[in-house]
């Protein structure tokens, strides 16, 4: 595995499988049943120059659950970049303070430029419309866990990717990651103008996967194993694009009606979050809350063991996890959410 995690392109099938195995070993720690201090004394620098809740906090939590501590900075206004400091200078300075760095930046390629100036491990927390490799890893980990529970196999699976496939960096990373595995069927449904980039479709097809392009969700998806839907990335639109998508059809909304009428009882629903829960937002509908097929919160929970595994692997302590495990001393509820599914 590369000293950094900047793109799914740096991952082989073997390195992905290793990370998922390490993540499984992290489950007792991530679920607050055990404690480890394997990264005691290590410092994480979290540099987020674009809005984030889940990614930033889950990276923080993952590092802390390994015994490390975190230094946070958010936004350009409160960073030296507002004074004209280069990515190179920022990288070198932060590397002198921190043992690992997670960075999110609105410009594609910026995190790779930042990482080129340091030997300290750098993780891409999202670079504009580019990639989000740790999200793809936790998405794959979620699919694997859900399939294990349902007695399904990734080989030959039917996965639907829908929503903003042009600017949604999570689906860019996920489709590349899925392409490393045995052939499956991938159906892509996006509003006009927001289709998956053609080079990614070509890559997946060249690796033996069956790719279908559709312009609507009005089809029979009864053999569907996974619905992965994404928010329309309006923050990346130009003014003209915003006007064009102002009246976007609700035909691209994943809701209970769609799931009940067109999918099966074992179709799982995923979303990288945040979802826009406002009426008419054309995003994953809140009417699915409480439905056991809705895996979005299990998905976010899985971000902790996966990001712990990334840190442990990059900082080379993945063989030391079990050395100092001990039970937690505080109260931990049986279930985190009030409507979490019982399995």
Protein backbone atom coordinates (compact mmCIF):
# COMPACT_ATOMS: atom_id res chain seq x y z
CA UNK A 1 0.00 0.00 0.00
CA UNK A 2 1.18 3.55 -0.79
CA UNK A 3 2.44 5.73 2.11
CA UNK A 4 -0.61 7.94 1.41
CA UNK A 5 -4.27 7.24 0.63
CA UNK A 6 -5.07 9.71 -2.13
CA UNK A 7 -7.03 7.66 -4.64
CA UNK A 8 -8.53 4.23 -5.06
CA UNK A 9 -6.05 3.90 -7.93
CA UNK A 10 -3.29 3.27 -5.39
CA UNK A 11 -5.10 0.22 -3.97
CA UNK A 12 -4.78 -3.34 -5.19
CA UNK A 13 -7.34 -6.06 -4.49
CA UNK A 14 -4.97 -7.51 -1.88
CA UNK A 15 -4.48 -4.18 -0.09
CA UNK A 16 -8.24 -3.57 -0.02
CA UNK A 17 -8.87 -7.04 1.40
CA UNK A 18 -6.20 -6.41 4.04
CA UNK A 19 -7.83 -3.13 5.09
CA UNK A 20 -11.23 -4.79 5.38
CA UNK A 21 -9.76 -7.59 7.52
CA UNK A 22 -8.12 -5.03 9.81
CA UNK A 23 -11.41 -3.11 9.99
CA UNK A 24 -13.19 -6.27 11.15
CA UNK A 25 -10.65 -6.60 13.96
CA UNK A 26 -11.38 -2.99 14.93
CA UNK A 27 -15.11 -3.67 15.42
CA UNK A 28 -15.00 -4.27 19.21
CA UNK A 29 -13.13 -0.97 19.64
CA UNK A 30 -15.31 0.97 17.21
CA UNK A 31 -18.50 -0.34 18.85
CA UNK A 32 -17.21 0.79 22.27
CA UNK A 33 -16.78 -2.62 23.82
CA UNK A 34 -13.00 -2.47 24.11
CA UNK A 35 -10.27 0.17 24.30
CA UNK A 36 -6.78 0.27 22.80
CA UNK A 37 -3.97 2.83 23.09
CA UNK A 38 -1.88 1.64 20.16
CA UNK A 39 -1.51 5.23 18.83
CA UNK A 40 -0.98 6.86 22.23
CA UNK A 41 1.16 9.96 21.74
CA UNK A 42 0.45 10.26 17.99
CA UNK A 43 -1.16 13.44 16.63
CA UNK A 44 -3.56 13.72 13.69
CA UNK A 45 -3.86 16.95 11.73
CA UNK A 46 -7.33 17.40 10.25
CA UNK A 47 -7.29 20.08 7.53
CA UNK A 48 -10.78 20.64 6.15
CA UNK A 49 -11.11 23.51 3.70
CA UNK A 50 -14.60 22.42 2.65
CA UNK A 51 -17.71 21.74 4.73
CA UNK A 52 -17.81 18.38 6.49
CA UNK A 53 -19.46 16.73 9.46
CA UNK A 54 -19.27 12.95 9.10
CA UNK A 55 -15.86 12.65 7.45
CA UNK A 56 -14.10 15.09 9.77
CA UNK A 57 -15.65 13.84 13.01
CA UNK A 58 -15.33 10.15 12.11
CA UNK A 59 -11.64 10.55 11.28
CA UNK A 60 -11.25 12.32 14.63
CA UNK A 61 -13.12 9.58 16.46
CA UNK A 62 -11.20 6.80 14.70
CA UNK A 63 -7.83 8.30 15.63
CA UNK A 64 -8.93 8.95 19.22
CA UNK A 65 -10.24 5.38 19.60
CA UNK A 66 -6.74 4.20 18.73
CA UNK A 67 -5.36 6.35 21.55
CA UNK A 68 -4.17 9.35 19.52
CA UNK A 69 -5.09 13.03 19.70
CA UNK A 70 -6.36 15.42 17.04
CA UNK A 71 -5.66 18.98 15.93
CA UNK A 72 -8.42 20.47 13.77
CA UNK A 73 -8.62 23.37 11.35
CA UNK A 74 -11.65 24.14 9.21
CA UNK A 75 -12.15 26.62 6.38
CA UNK A 76 -9.77 28.94 4.55
CA UNK A 77 -10.60 32.00 6.65
CA UNK A 78 -8.83 30.71 9.73
CA UNK A 79 -5.84 29.19 7.93
CA UNK A 80 -2.64 30.73 6.61
CA UNK A 81 -3.84 29.95 3.09
CA UNK A 82 -5.98 33.07 3.47
CA UNK A 83 -2.64 34.94 3.60
CA UNK A 84 -1.43 33.30 0.40
CA UNK A 85 0.47 30.34 1.82
CA UNK A 86 1.02 27.54 -0.72
CA UNK A 87 -0.07 23.93 -0.34
CA UNK A 88 3.62 22.98 -0.30
CA UNK A 89 4.42 25.27 2.65
CA UNK A 90 1.30 24.24 4.54
CA UNK A 91 2.16 20.57 4.03
CA UNK A 92 5.71 20.94 5.28
CA UNK A 93 4.66 22.96 8.32
CA UNK A 94 1.83 20.62 9.34
CA UNK A 95 4.06 17.59 8.84
CA UNK A 96 6.36 18.96 11.51
CA UNK A 97 3.46 18.97 13.96
CA UNK A 98 1.52 15.82 13.09
CA UNK A 99 2.06 12.10 12.55
CA UNK A 100 -0.75 11.79 9.99
CA UNK A 101 -2.87 14.30 8.08
CA UNK A 102 -6.38 14.14 6.65
CA UNK A 103 -7.19 16.83 4.14
CA UNK A 104 -10.33 17.97 2.32
CA UNK A 105 -10.09 20.65 -0.35
CA UNK A 106 -12.54 21.96 -2.98
CA UNK A 107 -10.06 21.63 -5.86
CA UNK A 108 -9.50 18.29 -7.57
CA UNK A 109 -5.86 17.18 -7.30
CA UNK A 110 -5.08 19.52 -4.41
CA UNK A 111 -4.62 16.77 -1.81
CA UNK A 112 -2.15 14.95 -4.06
CA UNK A 113 -0.22 18.21 -4.48
CA UNK A 114 -0.20 18.62 -0.70
CA UNK A 115 1.00 15.03 -0.16
CA UNK A 116 3.87 15.45 -2.63
CA UNK A 117 5.63 17.69 -0.13
CA UNK A 118 5.74 15.27 2.80
CA UNK A 119 6.60 11.75 3.91
CA UNK A 120 3.96 11.90 6.67
CA UNK A 121 0.89 9.82 5.68
CA UNK A 122 -1.79 11.96 4.00
CA UNK A 123 -5.37 10.77 3.52
CA UNK A 124 -7.67 12.33 0.95
CA UNK A 125 -10.88 13.34 2.72
CA UNK A 126 -12.35 14.57 -0.57
CA UNK A 127 -10.88 16.78 -3.30
CA UNK A 128 -13.65 18.65 -5.08
CA UNK A 129 -15.37 16.42 -7.66
CA UNK A 130 -12.36 14.05 -7.64
CA UNK A 131 -12.30 11.16 -5.17
CA UNK A 132 -13.16 10.12 -1.64
CA UNK A 133 -11.26 6.83 -1.12
CA UNK A 134 -12.03 6.26 2.55
CA UNK A 135 -15.75 6.63 1.83
CA UNK A 136 -15.48 4.01 -0.92
CA UNK A 137 -13.73 1.64 1.49
CA UNK A 138 -16.42 2.02 4.15
CA UNK A 139 -19.08 1.62 1.46
CA UNK A 140 -17.52 -1.65 0.30
CA UNK A 141 -17.17 -2.79 3.92
CA UNK A 142 -20.87 -2.04 4.44
CA UNK A 143 -21.90 -3.97 1.32
CA UNK A 144 -19.79 -6.92 2.43
CA UNK A 145 -21.34 -6.94 5.93
CA UNK A 146 -24.88 -6.60 4.59
CA UNK A 147 -24.32 -9.35 2.03
CA UNK A 148 -22.89 -11.64 4.70
CA UNK A 149 -26.00 -11.04 6.82
CA UNK A 150 -28.28 -11.76 3.84
CA UNK A 151 -26.29 -14.72 2.52
CA UNK A 152 -25.39 -12.95 -0.71
CA UNK A 153 -22.16 -12.73 -2.71
CA UNK A 154 -20.50 -9.70 -4.28
CA UNK A 155 -19.77 -11.73 -7.41
CA UNK A 156 -22.66 -11.25 -9.80
CA UNK A 157 -24.37 -8.66 -7.59
CA UNK A 158 -26.63 -6.01 -9.13
CA UNK A 159 -25.81 -2.53 -7.83
CA UNK A 160 -27.63 0.67 -8.79
CA UNK A 161 -25.76 4.00 -8.59
CA UNK A 162 -28.09 6.96 -8.93
CA UNK A 163 -28.19 10.71 -8.35
CA UNK A 164 -25.35 13.08 -9.19
CA UNK A 165 -22.85 10.74 -10.81
CA UNK A 166 -20.85 13.54 -12.44
CA UNK A 167 -19.80 15.56 -9.40
CA UNK A 168 -20.39 12.92 -6.70
CA UNK A 169 -16.83 11.97 -5.77
CA UNK A 170 -18.02 9.11 -3.57
CA UNK A 171 -19.40 7.18 -6.57
CA UNK A 172 -16.22 7.88 -8.55
CA UNK A 173 -14.16 6.12 -5.91
CA UNK A 174 -16.73 3.39 -5.24
CA UNK A 175 -17.15 2.29 -8.86
CA UNK A 176 -13.38 1.99 -9.25
CA UNK A 177 -13.14 -0.01 -6.04
CA UNK A 178 -15.95 -2.37 -7.08
CA UNK A 179 -14.20 -2.91 -10.41
CA UNK A 180 -11.36 -4.70 -8.58
CA UNK A 181 -13.72 -7.56 -7.73
CA UNK A 182 -15.39 -10.36 -9.65
CA UNK A 183 -17.75 -9.25 -12.43
CA UNK A 184 -21.03 -7.74 -11.34
CA UNK A 185 -23.86 -5.77 -12.89
CA UNK A 186 -23.78 -2.00 -12.41
CA UNK A 187 -26.75 0.13 -13.42
CA UNK A 188 -26.22 3.90 -13.63
CA UNK A 189 -29.18 6.31 -13.48
CA UNK A 190 -28.58 10.05 -13.44
CA UNK A 191 -30.44 13.21 -14.45
CA UNK A 192 -29.40 14.56 -17.88
CA UNK A 193 -26.08 16.37 -17.56
CA UNK A 194 -25.07 14.58 -14.35
CA UNK A 195 -24.01 11.24 -15.85
CA UNK A 196 -21.00 9.22 -14.71
CA UNK A 197 -17.77 10.34 -16.49
CA UNK A 198 -17.19 8.16 -19.54
CA UNK A 199 -13.62 7.23 -18.59
CA UNK A 200 -14.91 5.56 -15.42
CA UNK A 201 -17.54 3.63 -17.35
CA UNK A 202 -14.89 2.49 -19.81
CA UNK A 203 -12.58 1.40 -16.97
CA UNK A 204 -15.24 -0.71 -15.28
CA UNK A 205 -16.38 -2.27 -18.56
CA UNK A 206 -12.78 -3.11 -19.49
CA UNK A 207 -12.51 -5.16 -16.29
CA UNK A 208 -15.37 -7.43 -17.29
CA UNK A 209 -18.29 -5.79 -15.49
CA UNK A 210 -21.69 -5.30 -17.11
CA UNK A 211 -22.60 -1.61 -17.14
CA UNK A 212 -26.12 -0.41 -18.02
CA UNK A 213 -27.07 3.25 -18.50
CA UNK A 214 -30.67 4.29 -17.86
CA UNK A 215 -32.33 7.69 -17.75
CA UNK A 216 -35.03 6.84 -15.21
CA UNK A 217 -35.80 4.81 -12.10
CA UNK A 218 -39.08 3.72 -13.69
CA UNK A 219 -37.93 0.13 -14.28
CA UNK A 220 -38.17 -3.26 -12.64
CA UNK A 221 -35.33 -3.52 -10.12
CA UNK A 222 -36.61 -6.61 -8.31
CA UNK A 223 -33.21 -8.30 -8.71
CA UNK A 224 -31.39 -5.31 -7.26
CA UNK A 225 -29.04 -5.94 -4.32
CA UNK A 226 -27.94 -2.37 -3.54
CA UNK A 227 -29.32 1.10 -4.24
CA UNK A 228 -26.57 3.69 -3.76
CA UNK A 229 -28.01 7.17 -4.16
CA UNK A 230 -26.24 10.52 -3.94
CA UNK A 231 -27.21 14.11 -3.26
CA UNK A 232 -27.22 16.56 -6.18
CA UNK A 233 -23.95 18.48 -5.68
CA UNK A 234 -25.40 21.96 -6.21
CA UNK A 235 -22.38 23.63 -4.61
CA UNK A 236 -20.35 22.59 -7.67
CA UNK A 237 -22.79 24.05 -10.19
CA UNK A 238 -22.27 27.21 -12.19
CA UNK A 239 -25.08 29.78 -12.12
CA UNK A 240 -26.35 28.52 -15.48
CA UNK A 241 -26.38 24.91 -14.27
CA UNK A 242 -28.26 25.91 -11.12
CA UNK A 243 -30.99 27.41 -13.31
CA UNK A 244 -31.13 24.29 -15.49
CA UNK A 245 -31.54 21.95 -12.51
CA UNK A 246 -33.93 24.19 -10.56
CA UNK A 247 -36.96 22.11 -11.58
CA UNK A 248 -35.37 18.67 -11.45
CA UNK A 249 -37.92 15.88 -11.76
CA UNK A 250 -38.80 13.89 -8.67
CA UNK A 251 -38.42 10.77 -10.81
CA UNK A 252 -34.88 10.44 -9.45
CA UNK A 253 -35.94 10.28 -5.79
CA UNK A 254 -35.43 7.03 -3.87
CA UNK A 255 -38.33 6.63 -1.46
CA UNK A 256 -40.54 3.96 0.07
CA UNK A 257 -42.83 3.87 -2.97
CA UNK A 258 -39.89 3.15 -5.27
CA UNK A 259 -38.44 0.53 -2.96
CA UNK A 260 -41.74 -1.28 -2.35
CA UNK A 261 -42.89 -1.18 -5.97
CA UNK A 262 -39.68 -1.81 -7.88
CA UNK A 263 -37.19 -3.49 -5.52
CA UNK A 264 -37.17 -6.52 -3.21
CA UNK A 265 -37.30 -7.12 0.52
CA UNK A 266 -33.52 -7.68 0.58
CA UNK A 267 -32.46 -4.62 -1.44
CA UNK A 268 -30.30 -2.44 0.79
CA UNK A 269 -30.28 1.34 0.47
CA UNK A 270 -27.09 3.35 0.90
CA UNK A 271 -26.16 7.04 0.74
CA UNK A 272 -22.83 8.72 1.61
CA UNK A 273 -24.68 11.54 3.43
CA UNK A 274 -25.51 14.28 4.04
CA UNK A 275 -28.91 13.82 2.46
CA UNK A 276 -31.05 16.87 1.81
CA UNK A 277 -34.17 16.17 3.86
CA UNK A 278 -36.07 19.28 2.78
CA UNK A 279 -39.32 18.75 0.82
CA UNK A 280 -38.73 18.58 -2.93
CA UNK A 281 -34.99 18.15 -2.53
CA UNK A 282 -34.91 15.13 -4.84
CA UNK A 283 -32.77 13.14 -2.43
CA UNK A 284 -33.15 9.96 -0.40
CA UNK A 285 -36.55 10.33 1.25
CA UNK A 286 -36.96 10.34 5.02
CA UNK A 287 -40.04 8.10 4.66
CA UNK A 288 -37.59 5.17 4.68
CA UNK A 289 -36.45 5.94 8.23
CA UNK A 290 -36.91 2.84 10.36
CA UNK A 291 -37.00 0.52 7.34
CA UNK A 292 -34.42 -2.28 7.90
CA UNK A 293 -33.40 -1.99 4.23
CA UNK A 294 -32.11 1.52 4.94
CA UNK A 295 -28.42 0.96 5.73
CA UNK A 296 -27.24 4.58 5.83
CA UNK A 297 -26.63 4.70 9.57
CA UNK A 298 -24.98 1.29 9.65
CA UNK A 299 -22.90 2.71 6.81
CA UNK A 300 -21.78 5.76 8.83
CA UNK A 301 -21.05 3.56 11.86
CA UNK A 302 -18.82 1.43 9.64
CA UNK A 303 -16.72 4.49 8.89
CA UNK A 304 -15.06 4.21 12.31
CA UNK A 305 -13.53 0.70 12.02
CA UNK A 306 -12.56 1.34 8.40
CA UNK A 307 -10.82 4.64 9.16
CA UNK A 308 -9.17 3.05 12.19
CA UNK A 309 -7.86 0.36 9.83
CA UNK A 310 -6.51 3.02 7.45
CA UNK A 311 -4.63 4.75 10.26
CA UNK A 312 -3.33 1.50 11.72
CA UNK A 313 -2.09 0.33 8.33
CA UNK A 314 -0.48 3.61 7.25
CA UNK A 315 1.19 4.04 10.66
CA UNK A 316 2.19 0.36 10.69
CA UNK A 317 0.57 -0.72 13.94
CA UNK A 318 -2.00 -3.06 12.39
CA UNK A 319 -0.15 -6.03 13.92
CA UNK A 320 -0.31 -4.51 17.43
CA UNK A 321 -4.02 -3.90 17.85
CA UNK A 322 -4.78 -6.71 20.29
CA UNK A 323 -1.75 -6.20 22.56
CA UNK A 324 -3.32 -3.84 25.08
CA UNK A 325 -7.07 -4.29 24.66
CA UNK A 326 -9.22 -3.79 27.74
CA UNK A 327 -12.99 -3.47 28.32
CA UNK A 328 -14.60 -0.02 28.31
CA UNK A 329 -15.55 1.46 31.68
CA UNK A 330 -18.48 3.64 30.68
CA UNK A 331 -22.12 2.92 29.82
CA UNK A 332 -22.69 1.95 26.18
CA UNK A 333 -26.30 1.63 24.91
CA UNK A 334 -27.29 -1.59 23.17
CA UNK A 335 -28.40 0.39 20.13
CA UNK A 336 -27.35 3.93 19.21
CA UNK A 337 -30.47 5.01 17.29
CA UNK A 338 -34.06 4.70 18.48
CA UNK A 339 -35.15 3.02 15.23
CA UNK A 340 -32.00 1.04 14.44
CA UNK A 341 -32.86 -2.31 12.89
CA UNK A 342 -32.75 -5.47 14.99
CA UNK A 343 -30.66 -8.19 13.35
